[in-house]
């Protein structure tokens, strides 16, 4: 069994997407996981899927020594996170407690206001998720290669910090230490505002009386991908970080209004420049998003047409491997009304020509 930094047993409270994924990831490493959930049905489902065993006791007074957790991971909705954390700290006086709520300032402030002793509590947030939730969506590799924010605060012990860092590392994540305030400001920009923008844009499709969605390409799918997220959960997340999100949304609204005004008077002096400058600033902004291995690197794109039948995508990747070319990234777009897919490959610029020639020689159709 692979050695772990996380010591058994670990108690996971809440068996939704994150809780089940934590359990699955730790069980794969041989860690004993005790699952708890307010919903007996969700709990049984997570147990059936192998995320752990049902917790036999809810407090240190009633538990056997083997069932006393070393670490408690609270994975419940944001609006009850602080209450559940306080309950777990009281129930397990020797355990380190963390939560994985997507907002960190609110729970920490609530716990402080309630006078909870916080030396054994350290909030954290794995920057990983899916559009769907619940135990069925759990994956043991959900956190692999993802940032895991640890919201440091004064008064927490070094031991608690080490335990949470160990949990993140065991699950394949990269620990990043910052304050709760820094975390909330960051996720407002890179997660919460994109959710709102995606949802608002997707809602415009409800007014599509011309069948325009039949013309949709990858651009629309990219921008609206997260719009299928759970509204109930997101209302809680956004409410907990409302002021920060609202401030950025107003900036976005101001910029969109400026572009709209320029397009309404597109022949007026300077209008095209306004539009061009906003598009250019978008180029500069997207260039700041870390790429492969966290590095900035420009890649060349190659689009290959692939028949929509079994084995074709695998054959393409095999041919690319045989050409000794490394794929830096790829995505698949399905052609409208045709049984083909368009595979967009990102490769190093210096190998693009060689790869195109090689694939063409093997009969692949490269799209110009």
Protein backbone atom coordinates (compact mmCIF):
# COMPACT_ATOMS: atom_id res chain seq x y z
CA UNK A 1 0.00 0.00 0.00
CA UNK A 2 1.27 3.50 -0.86
CA UNK A 3 2.54 5.35 2.24
CA UNK A 4 0.34 8.33 3.13
CA UNK A 5 0.74 11.49 5.15
CA UNK A 6 -2.87 11.17 6.29
CA UNK A 7 -3.39 8.99 9.37
CA UNK A 8 -6.46 6.77 9.79
CA UNK A 9 -9.23 7.18 10.50
CA UNK A 10 -10.52 10.25 8.68
CA UNK A 11 -14.10 11.37 9.25
CA UNK A 12 -15.87 12.91 6.24
CA UNK A 13 -19.08 14.81 7.00
CA UNK A 14 -21.21 15.23 3.91
CA UNK A 15 -21.22 12.78 1.00
CA UNK A 16 -21.83 15.08 -1.94
CA UNK A 17 -19.36 15.47 -4.81
CA UNK A 18 -16.44 16.69 -2.70
CA UNK A 19 -17.02 14.50 0.34
CA UNK A 20 -17.41 11.34 -1.74
CA UNK A 21 -14.35 12.26 -3.81
CA UNK A 22 -12.26 12.80 -0.67
CA UNK A 23 -13.40 9.42 0.60
CA UNK A 24 -12.70 7.64 -2.69
CA UNK A 25 -9.26 9.20 -2.97
CA UNK A 26 -8.26 8.28 0.59
CA UNK A 27 -9.69 4.76 0.35
CA UNK A 28 -7.61 4.18 -2.75
CA UNK A 29 -4.57 4.88 -0.55
CA UNK A 30 -5.77 2.52 2.16
CA UNK A 31 -6.89 5.20 4.62
CA UNK A 32 -9.84 4.24 6.84
CA UNK A 33 -12.69 6.68 6.06
CA UNK A 34 -15.74 7.16 8.28
CA UNK A 35 -18.66 8.74 6.41
CA UNK A 36 -21.46 10.81 7.92
CA UNK A 37 -24.36 12.54 6.22
CA UNK A 38 -27.71 13.99 7.30
CA UNK A 39 -29.25 12.03 4.43
CA UNK A 40 -29.24 8.26 5.10
CA UNK A 41 -29.81 7.62 1.39
CA UNK A 42 -26.81 9.71 0.30
CA UNK A 43 -24.69 8.07 2.98
CA UNK A 44 -25.59 4.53 1.91
CA UNK A 45 -24.93 5.41 -1.72
CA UNK A 46 -21.45 6.78 -0.93
CA UNK A 47 -20.70 3.64 1.10
CA UNK A 48 -21.89 1.43 -1.76
CA UNK A 49 -19.56 3.24 -4.14
CA UNK A 50 -16.59 2.57 -1.87
CA UNK A 51 -15.98 6.03 -0.41
CA UNK A 52 -15.73 4.64 3.13
CA UNK A 53 -17.82 3.04 5.85
CA UNK A 54 -20.68 4.55 7.78
CA UNK A 55 -19.44 6.30 10.91
CA UNK A 56 -20.55 4.18 13.91
CA UNK A 57 -20.50 7.02 16.45
CA UNK A 58 -21.04 10.77 16.45
CA UNK A 59 -18.87 11.75 19.45
CA UNK A 60 -15.72 10.75 21.28
CA UNK A 61 -17.75 9.64 24.31
CA UNK A 62 -19.53 6.93 22.32
CA UNK A 63 -16.76 5.91 19.92
CA UNK A 64 -14.29 3.07 20.14
CA UNK A 65 -10.66 4.10 19.96
CA UNK A 66 -10.42 2.71 16.41
CA UNK A 67 -13.27 4.97 15.32
CA UNK A 68 -11.93 8.19 16.82
CA UNK A 69 -10.90 10.37 13.86
CA UNK A 70 -7.51 12.03 13.59
CA UNK A 71 -8.87 14.38 10.93
CA UNK A 72 -12.40 15.58 10.17
CA UNK A 73 -13.26 16.94 6.73
CA UNK A 74 -16.54 18.89 6.65
CA UNK A 75 -18.13 18.87 3.19
CA UNK A 76 -21.52 20.50 3.69
CA UNK A 77 -23.26 23.51 2.07
CA UNK A 78 -21.74 26.92 2.87
CA UNK A 79 -24.67 28.16 4.90
CA UNK A 80 -24.27 25.42 7.52
CA UNK A 81 -20.49 24.98 7.38
CA UNK A 82 -19.67 26.98 10.52
CA UNK A 83 -22.32 25.21 12.59
CA UNK A 84 -21.15 21.76 11.53
CA UNK A 85 -17.47 22.65 12.07
CA UNK A 86 -18.29 23.82 15.61
CA UNK A 87 -20.16 20.57 16.28
CA UNK A 88 -17.26 18.46 15.02
CA UNK A 89 -14.69 20.39 17.07
CA UNK A 90 -16.79 19.79 20.18
CA UNK A 91 -17.51 16.14 19.39
CA UNK A 92 -13.90 15.19 18.64
CA UNK A 93 -11.60 17.16 20.98
CA UNK A 94 -8.41 15.56 19.69
CA UNK A 95 -9.13 15.85 15.95
CA UNK A 96 -8.00 18.43 13.43
CA UNK A 97 -11.03 19.83 11.58
CA UNK A 98 -11.13 21.39 8.11
CA UNK A 99 -13.94 22.26 5.74
CA UNK A 100 -13.98 22.49 1.97
CA UNK A 101 -16.56 25.27 1.55
CA UNK A 102 -15.89 27.54 -1.41
CA UNK A 103 -15.97 30.69 0.75
CA UNK A 104 -13.63 30.95 3.74
CA UNK A 105 -14.17 34.29 5.48
CA UNK A 106 -17.80 33.68 6.44
CA UNK A 107 -17.35 30.38 8.33
CA UNK A 108 -14.23 31.69 10.08
CA UNK A 109 -16.01 34.88 11.17
CA UNK A 110 -19.03 32.91 12.41
CA UNK A 111 -16.83 30.58 14.46
CA UNK A 112 -14.95 33.51 15.99
CA UNK A 113 -18.20 35.29 16.84
CA UNK A 114 -19.45 32.14 18.57
CA UNK A 115 -16.29 31.99 20.67
CA UNK A 116 -15.14 28.65 19.23
CA UNK A 117 -11.51 27.76 20.04
CA UNK A 118 -9.82 27.61 16.64
CA UNK A 119 -6.39 26.09 17.20
CA UNK A 120 -7.56 22.78 15.69
CA UNK A 121 -9.56 24.31 12.82
CA UNK A 122 -8.18 25.32 9.47
CA UNK A 123 -10.49 25.98 6.54
CA UNK A 124 -9.46 24.84 3.10
CA UNK A 125 -10.84 24.75 -0.43
CA UNK A 126 -9.89 22.35 -3.24
CA UNK A 127 -10.25 24.21 -6.53
CA UNK A 128 -11.94 21.28 -8.21
CA UNK A 129 -15.48 20.39 -9.08
CA UNK A 130 -17.92 19.25 -11.72
CA UNK A 131 -21.16 20.59 -13.12
CA UNK A 132 -23.04 17.79 -11.37
CA UNK A 133 -23.08 16.94 -7.67
CA UNK A 134 -23.93 14.12 -5.29
CA UNK A 135 -22.24 10.80 -4.49
CA UNK A 136 -22.69 9.52 -8.05
CA UNK A 137 -20.41 12.29 -9.33
CA UNK A 138 -17.56 11.52 -6.92
CA UNK A 139 -14.16 10.64 -8.36
CA UNK A 140 -11.00 9.46 -6.64
CA UNK A 141 -8.89 11.61 -8.99
CA UNK A 142 -11.00 14.77 -8.75
CA UNK A 143 -8.26 16.74 -7.00
CA UNK A 144 -5.32 15.50 -9.04
CA UNK A 145 -3.13 18.43 -10.10
CA UNK A 146 -5.59 21.00 -8.74
CA UNK A 147 -4.79 23.83 -6.29
CA UNK A 148 -5.98 23.22 -2.72
CA UNK A 149 -6.17 26.51 -0.81
CA UNK A 150 -5.43 26.39 2.91
CA UNK A 151 -6.88 29.47 4.62
CA UNK A 152 -4.28 30.24 7.27
CA UNK A 153 -5.35 32.20 10.36
CA UNK A 154 -3.70 33.29 13.57
CA UNK A 155 -3.93 30.83 16.44
CA UNK A 156 -3.97 27.63 14.41
CA UNK A 157 -1.31 25.08 15.31
CA UNK A 158 1.53 24.04 13.02
CA UNK A 159 0.31 20.47 13.43
CA UNK A 160 -3.09 21.39 11.98
CA UNK A 161 -1.45 23.05 8.99
CA UNK A 162 0.70 19.98 8.38
CA UNK A 163 -2.33 17.67 8.56
CA UNK A 164 -4.28 19.64 5.95
CA UNK A 165 -1.26 19.96 3.69
CA UNK A 166 -0.78 16.21 3.96
CA UNK A 167 -4.41 15.58 3.03
CA UNK A 168 -4.10 17.76 -0.06
CA UNK A 169 -0.85 16.12 -1.14
CA UNK A 170 -2.21 12.61 -0.61
CA UNK A 171 -5.16 13.45 -2.85
CA UNK A 172 -2.81 14.69 -5.57
CA UNK A 173 -3.51 18.40 -5.10
CA UNK A 174 -1.10 21.32 -4.74
CA UNK A 175 -1.45 23.11 -1.37
CA UNK A 176 -1.51 26.91 -1.52
CA UNK A 177 -1.54 28.89 1.72
CA UNK A 178 -3.30 32.26 1.83
CA UNK A 179 -5.63 34.13 4.16
CA UNK A 180 -9.39 33.67 4.06
CA UNK A 181 -9.80 37.22 2.73
CA UNK A 182 -7.25 36.64 -0.06
CA UNK A 183 -8.99 33.41 -0.99
CA UNK A 184 -12.45 34.96 -1.18
CA UNK A 185 -11.24 37.88 -3.28
CA UNK A 186 -9.49 35.47 -5.63
CA UNK A 187 -12.40 33.07 -6.15
CA UNK A 188 -14.76 35.99 -6.71
CA UNK A 189 -12.72 36.86 -9.80
CA UNK A 190 -11.79 33.42 -11.16
CA UNK A 191 -14.83 31.34 -10.15
CA UNK A 192 -17.88 33.20 -8.88
CA UNK A 193 -18.11 35.96 -11.50
CA UNK A 194 -17.51 33.50 -14.39
CA UNK A 195 -20.45 31.45 -13.06
CA UNK A 196 -22.76 34.47 -13.16
CA UNK A 197 -21.55 35.61 -16.58
CA UNK A 198 -21.95 32.10 -17.98
CA UNK A 199 -25.45 31.69 -16.54
CA UNK A 200 -26.67 35.11 -17.66
CA UNK A 201 -25.40 34.54 -21.20
CA UNK A 202 -26.96 31.05 -21.32
CA UNK A 203 -30.28 32.51 -20.19
CA UNK A 204 -30.33 34.63 -23.35
CA UNK A 205 -30.70 31.41 -25.32
CA UNK A 206 -34.25 31.09 -23.97
CA UNK A 207 -35.23 33.89 -26.33
CA UNK A 208 -33.86 32.08 -29.38
CA UNK A 209 -36.87 31.98 -31.72
CA UNK A 210 -34.77 31.53 -34.87
CA UNK A 211 -33.07 28.26 -33.99
CA UNK A 212 -29.72 30.00 -33.66
CA UNK A 213 -28.48 27.35 -31.23
CA UNK A 214 -28.29 24.93 -34.15
CA UNK A 215 -25.38 27.06 -35.37
CA UNK A 216 -23.56 26.97 -32.03
CA UNK A 217 -19.87 26.18 -32.13
CA UNK A 218 -17.29 25.49 -29.46
CA UNK A 219 -17.14 29.15 -28.42
CA UNK A 220 -20.69 29.16 -27.05
CA UNK A 221 -20.15 25.80 -25.37
CA UNK A 222 -16.95 27.05 -23.72
CA UNK A 223 -18.56 30.20 -22.36
CA UNK A 224 -21.73 28.49 -21.10
CA UNK A 225 -20.25 25.21 -19.83
CA UNK A 226 -20.70 25.99 -16.12
CA UNK A 227 -24.20 27.39 -16.62
CA UNK A 228 -25.61 23.93 -15.88
CA UNK A 229 -24.41 24.10 -12.26
CA UNK A 230 -26.79 23.65 -9.30
CA UNK A 231 -28.63 26.97 -8.68
CA UNK A 232 -29.40 26.21 -5.03
CA UNK A 233 -25.76 25.62 -4.14
CA UNK A 234 -24.58 28.61 -6.12
CA UNK A 235 -27.02 30.98 -4.44
CA UNK A 236 -25.44 29.99 -1.12
CA UNK A 237 -21.90 30.44 -2.46
CA UNK A 238 -22.63 33.81 -4.05
CA UNK A 239 -24.51 35.11 -1.02
CA UNK A 240 -21.52 34.29 1.17
CA UNK A 241 -19.20 36.28 -1.10
CA UNK A 242 -21.73 38.79 -2.37
CA UNK A 243 -19.96 42.13 -1.92
CA UNK A 244 -16.78 40.98 -3.66
CA UNK A 245 -18.69 39.40 -6.54
CA UNK A 246 -20.95 42.43 -6.95
CA UNK A 247 -17.99 44.80 -7.22
CA UNK A 248 -16.43 42.81 -10.07
CA UNK A 249 -19.78 42.36 -11.81
CA UNK A 250 -20.28 46.12 -11.83
CA UNK A 251 -16.89 46.52 -13.48
CA UNK A 252 -17.85 43.90 -16.07
CA UNK A 253 -21.21 45.60 -16.64
CA UNK A 254 -19.48 48.97 -17.11
CA UNK A 255 -17.15 47.52 -19.75
CA UNK A 256 -19.97 45.72 -21.57
CA UNK A 257 -22.03 48.92 -21.56
CA UNK A 258 -19.10 50.81 -23.06
CA UNK A 259 -18.71 48.23 -25.84
CA UNK A 260 -22.47 48.23 -26.47
CA UNK A 261 -22.48 52.01 -26.76
CA UNK A 262 -19.60 51.90 -29.24
CA UNK A 263 -21.35 49.27 -31.36
CA UNK A 264 -24.60 51.25 -31.42
CA UNK A 265 -22.66 54.17 -32.91
CA UNK A 266 -20.07 52.08 -34.71
CA UNK A 267 -19.33 54.74 -37.34
CA UNK A 268 -18.72 57.45 -34.77
CA UNK A 269 -15.14 58.58 -34.28
CA UNK A 270 -13.29 56.26 -31.91
CA UNK A 271 -16.01 53.58 -31.68
CA UNK A 272 -14.02 50.87 -33.41
CA UNK A 273 -11.03 51.72 -31.27
CA UNK A 274 -13.09 51.21 -28.09
CA UNK A 275 -14.16 47.75 -29.27
CA UNK A 276 -10.65 46.83 -30.37
CA UNK A 277 -9.11 47.92 -27.07
CA UNK A 278 -11.53 45.81 -25.05
CA UNK A 279 -10.80 42.80 -27.26
CA UNK A 280 -7.07 43.44 -26.92
CA UNK A 281 -7.32 43.71 -23.14
CA UNK A 282 -9.13 40.37 -23.24
CA UNK A 283 -6.14 38.90 -25.08
CA UNK A 284 -3.82 40.25 -22.39
CA UNK A 285 -6.05 38.94 -19.61
CA UNK A 286 -6.38 35.41 -20.93
CA UNK A 287 -2.60 35.28 -21.39
CA UNK A 288 -2.29 35.53 -17.60
CA UNK A 289 -4.13 32.24 -17.06
CA UNK A 290 -1.51 29.57 -16.27
CA UNK A 291 -1.05 27.01 -18.98
CA UNK A 292 0.47 23.55 -18.94
CA UNK A 293 2.54 22.95 -15.78
CA UNK A 294 1.64 26.49 -14.68
CA UNK A 295 3.81 28.02 -17.40
CA UNK A 296 3.02 30.52 -20.12
CA UNK A 297 3.80 29.17 -23.58
CA UNK A 298 2.40 29.83 -27.01
CA UNK A 299 1.33 26.73 -28.91
CA UNK A 300 0.40 26.13 -32.52
CA UNK A 301 -3.01 24.66 -33.33
CA UNK A 302 -3.84 21.92 -35.78
CA UNK A 303 -7.42 20.80 -36.50
CA UNK A 304 -8.02 17.25 -37.70
CA UNK A 305 -11.34 15.86 -38.93
CA UNK A 306 -12.18 12.54 -37.29
CA UNK A 307 -15.04 10.21 -38.23
CA UNK A 308 -17.50 9.65 -35.40
CA UNK A 309 -17.03 5.90 -35.01
CA UNK A 310 -15.27 3.68 -32.48
CA UNK A 311 -11.49 3.70 -32.40
CA UNK A 312 -10.87 6.75 -34.56
CA UNK A 313 -9.77 9.11 -31.79
CA UNK A 314 -7.51 6.39 -30.36
CA UNK A 315 -5.98 5.78 -33.80
CA UNK A 316 -5.29 9.50 -34.21
CA UNK A 317 -3.52 9.69 -30.86
CA UNK A 318 -1.50 6.58 -31.68
CA UNK A 319 -0.38 8.08 -34.99
CA UNK A 320 0.64 11.29 -33.23
CA UNK A 321 2.61 9.28 -30.67
CA UNK A 322 4.32 7.30 -33.42
CA UNK A 323 5.39 10.63 -34.92
CA UNK A 324 7.11 11.43 -31.58
CA UNK A 325 5.02 14.58 -31.13
CA UNK A 326 3.75 15.58 -27.69
CA UNK A 327 0.19 16.92 -27.48
CA UNK A 328 0.14 19.92 -25.16
CA UNK A 329 -3.65 20.16 -25.15
CA UNK A 330 -6.64 19.14 -27.24
CA UNK A 331 -10.40 19.47 -27.47
CA UNK A 332 -13.11 17.94 -29.62
CA UNK A 333 -15.91 19.84 -31.34
CA UNK A 334 -18.73 17.94 -33.00
CA UNK A 335 -19.72 19.12 -36.46
CA UNK A 336 -23.38 20.07 -36.86
CA UNK A 337 -25.34 17.63 -39.00
CA UNK A 338 -22.37 15.41 -39.84
CA UNK A 339 -20.96 12.24 -38.31
CA UNK A 340 -17.53 13.78 -37.77
CA UNK A 341 -15.65 15.56 -35.02
CA UNK A 342 -13.06 18.30 -35.23
CA UNK A 343 -10.08 17.59 -32.98
CA UNK A 344 -8.12 20.74 -32.20
CA UNK A 345 -4.56 19.87 -31.21
CA UNK A 346 -2.14 22.24 -29.48
CA UNK A 347 1.52 21.45 -30.15
CA UNK A 348 4.85 23.24 -30.04
CA UNK A 349 5.14 25.58 -33.03
CA UNK A 350 8.34 23.94 -34.26
CA UNK A 351 6.67 20.52 -34.73
CA UNK A 352 3.38 21.65 -36.24
CA UNK A 353 4.50 21.40 -39.88
CA UNK A 354 6.04 17.98 -39.40
CA UNK A 355 2.91 16.70 -37.67
CA UNK A 356 0.62 18.04 -40.39
CA UNK A 357 2.69 16.41 -43.11
CA UNK A 358 2.81 13.11 -41.23
CA UNK A 359 -0.92 12.98 -40.53
CA UNK A 360 -1.79 13.96 -44.09
CA UNK A 361 0.42 11.17 -45.41
CA UNK A 362 -1.49 8.71 -43.22
CA UNK A 363 -4.81 9.83 -44.70
CA UNK A 364 -6.01 12.18 -41.98
CA UNK A 365 -7.92 15.28 -43.11
CA UNK A 366 -6.30 18.42 -41.71
CA UNK A 367 -8.65 21.39 -41.67
CA UNK A 368 -7.20 24.67 -42.85
